[in-house]
Structure formats: structure tokens, C-alpha cells
C-alpha atoms as a PDB file:
ATOM      1  CA  MET A   1       0.063   0.021  -0.039  1.00  0.00           C
ATOM      2  CA  TYR A   2       1.085   3.557  -0.875  1.00  0.00           C
ATOM      3  CA  LEU A   3       1.420   6.064   1.949  1.00  0.00           C
ATOM      4  CA  ALA A   4       1.224   9.608   2.370  1.00  0.00           C
ATOM      5  CA  ARG A   5       4.885   9.832   2.874  1.00  0.00           C
ATOM      6  CA  ASP A   6       5.307   8.104  -0.886  1.00  0.00           C
ATOM      7  CA  ILE A   7       3.707  11.352  -2.558  1.00  0.00           C
ATOM      8  CA  MET A   8       4.047  14.248  -0.341  1.00  0.00           C
ATOM      9  CA  THR A   9       5.986  17.463  -1.082  1.00  0.00           C
ATOM     10  CA  LYS A  10       8.547  17.589   1.445  1.00  0.00           C
ATOM     11  CA  ALA A  11       9.721  21.101   0.847  1.00  0.00           C
ATOM     12  CA  VAL A  12       6.859  22.521   2.703  1.00  0.00           C
ATOM     13  CA  VAL A  13       6.015  26.453   2.579  1.00  0.00           C
ATOM     14  CA  ALA A  14       4.729  27.199   6.405  1.00  0.00           C
ATOM     15  CA  ILE A  15       3.758  30.657   7.170  1.00  0.00           C
ATOM     16  CA  SER A  16       4.362  31.827  10.583  1.00  0.00           C
ATOM     17  CA  ARG A  17       1.685  33.091  12.964  1.00  0.00           C
ATOM     18  CA  GLN A  18       3.089  36.558  13.022  1.00  0.00           C
ATOM     19  CA  THR A  19       2.553  36.848   9.223  1.00  0.00           C
ATOM     20  CA  THR A  20       0.079  39.449   8.200  1.00  0.00           C
ATOM     21  CA  ALA A  21      -2.585  38.763   5.518  1.00  0.00           C
ATOM     22  CA  SER A  22      -0.958  40.944   2.994  1.00  0.00           C
ATOM     23  CA  ASP A  23       2.427  38.803   3.393  1.00  0.00           C
ATOM     24  CA  ALA A  24       0.645  35.587   3.447  1.00  0.00           C
ATOM     25  CA  ILE A  25      -0.867  36.435  -0.168  1.00  0.00           C
ATOM     26  CA  ARG A  26       2.712  37.310  -1.218  1.00  0.00           C
ATOM     27  CA  ILE A  27       4.036  34.173  -0.005  1.00  0.00           C
ATOM     28  CA  LEU A  28       1.279  32.204  -1.580  1.00  0.00           C
ATOM     29  CA  LEU A  29       1.889  33.693  -4.970  1.00  0.00           C
ATOM     30  CA  GLU A  30       5.782  33.662  -4.873  1.00  0.00           C
ATOM     31  CA  ASN A  31       5.642  30.053  -4.415  1.00  0.00           C
ATOM     32  CA  ASN A  32       2.512  29.391  -6.635  1.00  0.00           C
ATOM     33  CA  ILE A  33       0.313  27.357  -3.766  1.00  0.00           C
ATOM     34  CA  SER A  34      -3.069  27.810  -3.065  1.00  0.00           C
ATOM     35  CA  GLY A  35      -2.599  27.275   0.942  1.00  0.00           C
ATOM     36  CA  ALA A  36      -0.236  26.674   3.658  1.00  0.00           C
ATOM     37  CA  PRO A  37       0.035  25.237   7.299  1.00  0.00           C
ATOM     38  CA  VAL A  38       0.377  28.073   9.929  1.00  0.00           C
ATOM     39  CA  VAL A  39       2.986  27.180  12.449  1.00  0.00           C
ATOM     40  CA  ASP A  40       3.907  28.942  15.876  1.00  0.00           C
ATOM     41  CA  ASP A  41       7.371  29.701  17.035  1.00  0.00           C
ATOM     42  CA  ASP A  42       8.052  25.793  17.707  1.00  0.00           C
ATOM     43  CA  GLY A  43       7.079  24.910  14.381  1.00  0.00           C
ATOM     44  CA  THR A  44       3.651  23.275  15.683  1.00  0.00           C
ATOM     45  CA  VAL A  45       0.918  23.562  13.326  1.00  0.00           C
ATOM     46  CA  ILE A  46      -1.770  25.639  14.541  1.00  0.00           C
ATOM     47  CA  GLY A  47      -3.776  26.272  11.514  1.00  0.00           C
ATOM     48  CA  ILE A  48      -4.110  26.511   7.666  1.00  0.00           C
ATOM     49  CA  ILE A  49      -4.328  29.418   5.289  1.00  0.00           C
ATOM     50  CA  SER A  50      -6.138  29.244   1.880  1.00  0.00           C
ATOM     51  CA  GLU A  51      -6.555  31.457  -0.967  1.00  0.00           C
ATOM     52  CA  PHE A  52     -10.293  31.500  -0.039  1.00  0.00           C
ATOM     53  CA  LYS A  53      -9.715  32.506   3.449  1.00  0.00           C
ATOM     54  CA  LEU A  54      -7.333  35.390   2.298  1.00  0.00           C
ATOM     55  CA  MET A  55     -10.157  36.672  -0.206  1.00  0.00           C
ATOM     56  CA  SER A  56     -11.329  38.728   2.885  1.00  0.00           C
ATOM     57  CA  ALA A  57      -8.123  40.678   2.663  1.00  0.00           C
ATOM     58  CA  VAL A  58      -8.325  41.286  -0.841  1.00  0.00           C
ATOM     59  CA  PHE A  59     -11.798  42.867  -0.677  1.00  0.00           C
ATOM     60  CA  ASP A  60     -11.512  44.764   2.748  1.00  0.00           C
ATOM     61  CA  PRO A  61      -8.266  46.739   2.926  1.00  0.00           C
ATOM     62  CA  GLY A  62      -8.334  46.904   6.656  1.00  0.00           C
ATOM     63  CA  THR A  63      -7.674  43.125   6.760  1.00  0.00           C
ATOM     64  CA  LYS A  64      -4.391  43.355   4.880  1.00  0.00           C
ATOM     65  CA  GLN A  65      -2.239  43.990   7.954  1.00  0.00           C
ATOM     66  CA  THR A  66      -4.385  41.601  10.137  1.00  0.00           C
ATOM     67  CA  SER A  67      -2.546  38.589  11.604  1.00  0.00           C
ATOM     68  CA  ILE A  68      -2.932  35.678   9.769  1.00  0.00           C
ATOM     69  CA  THR A  69      -4.267  33.839  12.992  1.00  0.00           C
ATOM     70  CA  GLN A  70      -7.545  36.179  12.748  1.00  0.00           C
ATOM     71  CA  ILE A  71      -8.163  34.458   9.307  1.00  0.00           C
ATOM     72  CA  MET A  72      -6.959  31.298   9.179  1.00  0.00           C
ATOM     73  CA  SER A  73      -8.862  27.746   9.722  1.00  0.00           C
ATOM     74  CA  THR A  74      -7.933  26.245  12.914  1.00  0.00           C
ATOM     75  CA  ASP A  75      -9.747  23.016  12.511  1.00  0.00           C
ATOM     76  CA  VAL A  76      -6.766  21.307  10.822  1.00  0.00           C
ATOM     77  CA  ILE A  77      -7.345  18.159   9.262  1.00  0.00           C
ATOM     78  CA  TYR A  78      -4.210  16.206   8.954  1.00  0.00           C
ATOM     79  CA  VAL A  79      -2.591  12.987   8.146  1.00  0.00           C
ATOM     80  CA  THR A  80       0.520  11.059   9.347  1.00  0.00           C
ATOM     81  CA  GLU A  81       3.276   9.661   7.091  1.00  0.00           C
ATOM     82  CA  PHE A  82       1.631   6.238   7.496  1.00  0.00           C
ATOM     83  CA  THR A  83      -1.881   7.393   6.435  1.00  0.00           C
ATOM     84  CA  GLY A  84      -2.714   5.345   3.102  1.00  0.00           C
ATOM     85  CA  ILE A  85      -3.306   7.507  -0.061  1.00  0.00           C
ATOM     86  CA  ASP A  86      -6.884   5.704  -0.346  1.00  0.00           C
ATOM     87  CA  GLU A  87      -7.450   7.437   3.154  1.00  0.00           C
ATOM     88  CA  VAL A  88      -5.962  10.963   1.836  1.00  0.00           C
ATOM     89  CA  ALA A  89      -8.365  10.695  -1.283  1.00  0.00           C
ATOM     90  CA  ARG A  90     -11.200  10.121   1.054  1.00  0.00           C
ATOM     91  CA  ILE A  91     -10.213  12.923   3.260  1.00  0.00           C
ATOM     92  CA  PHE A  92      -9.894  15.195  -0.015  1.00  0.00           C
ATOM     93  CA  GLN A  93     -13.551  14.201  -1.005  1.00  0.00           C
ATOM     94  CA  THR A  94     -15.457  14.092   2.265  1.00  0.00           C
ATOM     95  CA  HIS A  95     -14.015  17.325   3.334  1.00  0.00           C
ATOM     96  CA  ARG A  96     -13.812  19.175   0.020  1.00  0.00           C
ATOM     97  CA  ILE A  97     -10.046  20.231   0.770  1.00  0.00           C
ATOM     98  CA  ARG A  98      -7.228  21.058  -1.401  1.00  0.00           C
ATOM     99  CA  ARG A  99      -4.300  19.958   0.712  1.00  0.00           C
ATOM    100  CA  VAL A 100      -3.558  18.111   3.992  1.00  0.00           C
ATOM    101  CA  PRO A 101      -0.396  18.537   6.064  1.00  0.00           C
ATOM    102  CA  VAL A 102       1.480  15.469   6.940  1.00  0.00           C
ATOM    103  CA  LEU A 103       2.574  15.709  10.583  1.00  0.00           C
ATOM    104  CA  ARG A 104       4.957  13.993  12.867  1.00  0.00           C
ATOM    105  CA  ASN A 105       4.836  15.059  16.703  1.00  0.00           C
ATOM    106  CA  ARG A 106       2.573  17.923  15.353  1.00  0.00           C
ATOM    107  CA  LYS A 107       5.318  19.194  13.203  1.00  0.00           C
ATOM    108  CA  VAL A 108       5.133  19.353   9.289  1.00  0.00           C
ATOM    109  CA  VAL A 109       6.741  17.015   7.629  1.00  0.00           C
ATOM    110  CA  GLY A 110       5.198  17.012   4.221  1.00  0.00           C
ATOM    111  CA  VAL A 111       2.055  18.244   2.333  1.00  0.00           C
ATOM    112  CA  VAL A 112      -0.061  16.144   0.061  1.00  0.00           C
ATOM    113  CA  SER A 113      -2.312  18.289  -2.273  1.00  0.00           C
ATOM    114  CA  ARG A 114      -4.722  17.176  -4.999  1.00  0.00           C
ATOM    115  CA  PRO A 115      -2.166  17.620  -7.766  1.00  0.00           C
ATOM    116  CA  ASP A 116       0.416  15.170  -5.842  1.00  0.00           C
ATOM    117  CA  LEU A 117      -2.565  12.657  -5.793  1.00  0.00           C
ATOM    118  CA  LEU A 118      -3.404  13.011  -9.453  1.00  0.00           C
ATOM    119  CA  ARG A 119       0.364  12.971 -10.495  1.00  0.00           C
ATOM    120  CA  PHE A 120       0.661   9.569  -8.545  1.00  0.00           C
ATOM    121  CA  MET A 121      -2.400   8.143 -10.266  1.00  0.00           C
ATOM    122  CA  GLN A 122      -1.211   9.406 -13.892  1.00  0.00           C
ATOM    123  CA  GLU A 123       2.040   7.465 -13.239  1.00  0.00           C
ATOM    124  CA  ASP A 124       1.346   3.578 -13.863  1.00  0.00           C
ATOM    125  CA  ASN A 125       0.143   2.816 -10.268  1.00  0.00           C
ATOM    126  CA  PHE A 126      -2.712   0.928 -11.508  1.00  0.00           C
ATOM    127  CA  GLU A 127      -3.368  -1.199  -8.165  1.00  0.00           C
ATOM    128  CA  ALA A 128      -3.482   1.881  -6.062  1.00  0.00           C
ATOM    129  CA  CYS A 129      -5.665   3.737  -8.682  1.00  0.00           C
ATOM    130  CA  ALA A 130      -8.033   1.157  -8.364  1.00  0.00           C
ATOM    131  CA  ARG A 131      -8.271   1.263  -4.609  1.00  0.00           C
ATOM    132  CA  LEU A 132      -8.620   5.092  -4.986  1.00  0.00           C
ATOM    133  CA  LEU A 133     -11.462   4.752  -7.312  1.00  0.00           C
ATOM    134  CA  LYS A 134     -13.529   2.399  -5.123  1.00  0.00           C
ATOM    135  CA  ALA A 135     -12.854   4.564  -2.093  1.00  0.00           C
ATOM    136  CA  SER A 136     -14.150   7.683  -4.099  1.00  0.00           C
ATOM    137  CA  GLN A 137     -17.079   5.691  -5.230  1.00  0.00           C
ATOM    138  CA  LEU A 138     -17.904   4.814  -1.793  1.00  0.00           C
ATOM    139  CA  VAL A 139     -17.715   8.384  -0.510  1.00  0.00           C
ATOM    140  CA  ARG A 140     -19.947   9.580  -3.496  1.00  0.00           C
ATOM    141  CA  GLN A 141     -22.741   6.958  -2.180  1.00  0.00           C
ATOM    142  CA  ARG A 142     -22.687   8.362   1.262  1.00  0.00           C
ATOM    143  CA  LEU A 143     -22.924  11.878   0.025  1.00  0.00           C
END
């Protein structure tokens, strides 16, 4: 079985809790990513910031200098390095999210995004793709 560690991006762009909304927008754009984990001074994940959440900063000039902690999502859905990719796919579909941080002892060691999963599926991983397809069909049946 393939695990999150097999497909995760290891070079993670994390955003400090002291970052402003304006700086977070710049960081996401410079790194061509749609979201990132927010970490405290120890590197512990405390939230997730996304383009969607940052849209408020675009339309309300007063929020551009607001701390990212006022805008981020604090209900972090995460996986470990040993989470199966079929479970990662289920999480993406069930929660309708684009990325999930991979944590070890509450610290980010990677991120799995939908494009990471799609790249894996595009390669000749037929057995894993069949399991993912079955998992996604089960999720759709429940919705």
C-alpha cells in the first residue's frame, strides 16, 4: 500500500503566526501554492491558510495588515506519514479540501495536495488507482 510519505511534497512552505494577511498573499503567490500550514514559534501546526480565506483581505483593505491567526482555519485536518493514500483521497473528497499537512509529533514534515495525488495516479500505479477509485465511489454513495 502506498502511504502519504510516498507522494507528499517535502519542501513545505509554512507561514509563521506573526505573518500578516498581505504577506501571506505574497508568500502564496511567490511559491505558486493555494494554501499553507500556519505554525507557531516551535513549528507546531496551529492552522491552515488558503486563498479562499485570504479573499477577505483582498476585498477589505483593513484586513491586509491583520494577523494571519485572525483569518486562518484552526480546525486542521491532517494525516501522518503512514496514512494510506486511499484515506488521503477520501479526506479530500469528504471535506472538500485541496491539501492536507503531513505531521510527525505535531510538526509539518510534508504536504499532500490534490495535484500530488493526481500525479501519482497518472503514473502507472494501477493497483493503487483502483483502490482510490473504489474509495471515491463509496464516498459519493454516502454523500
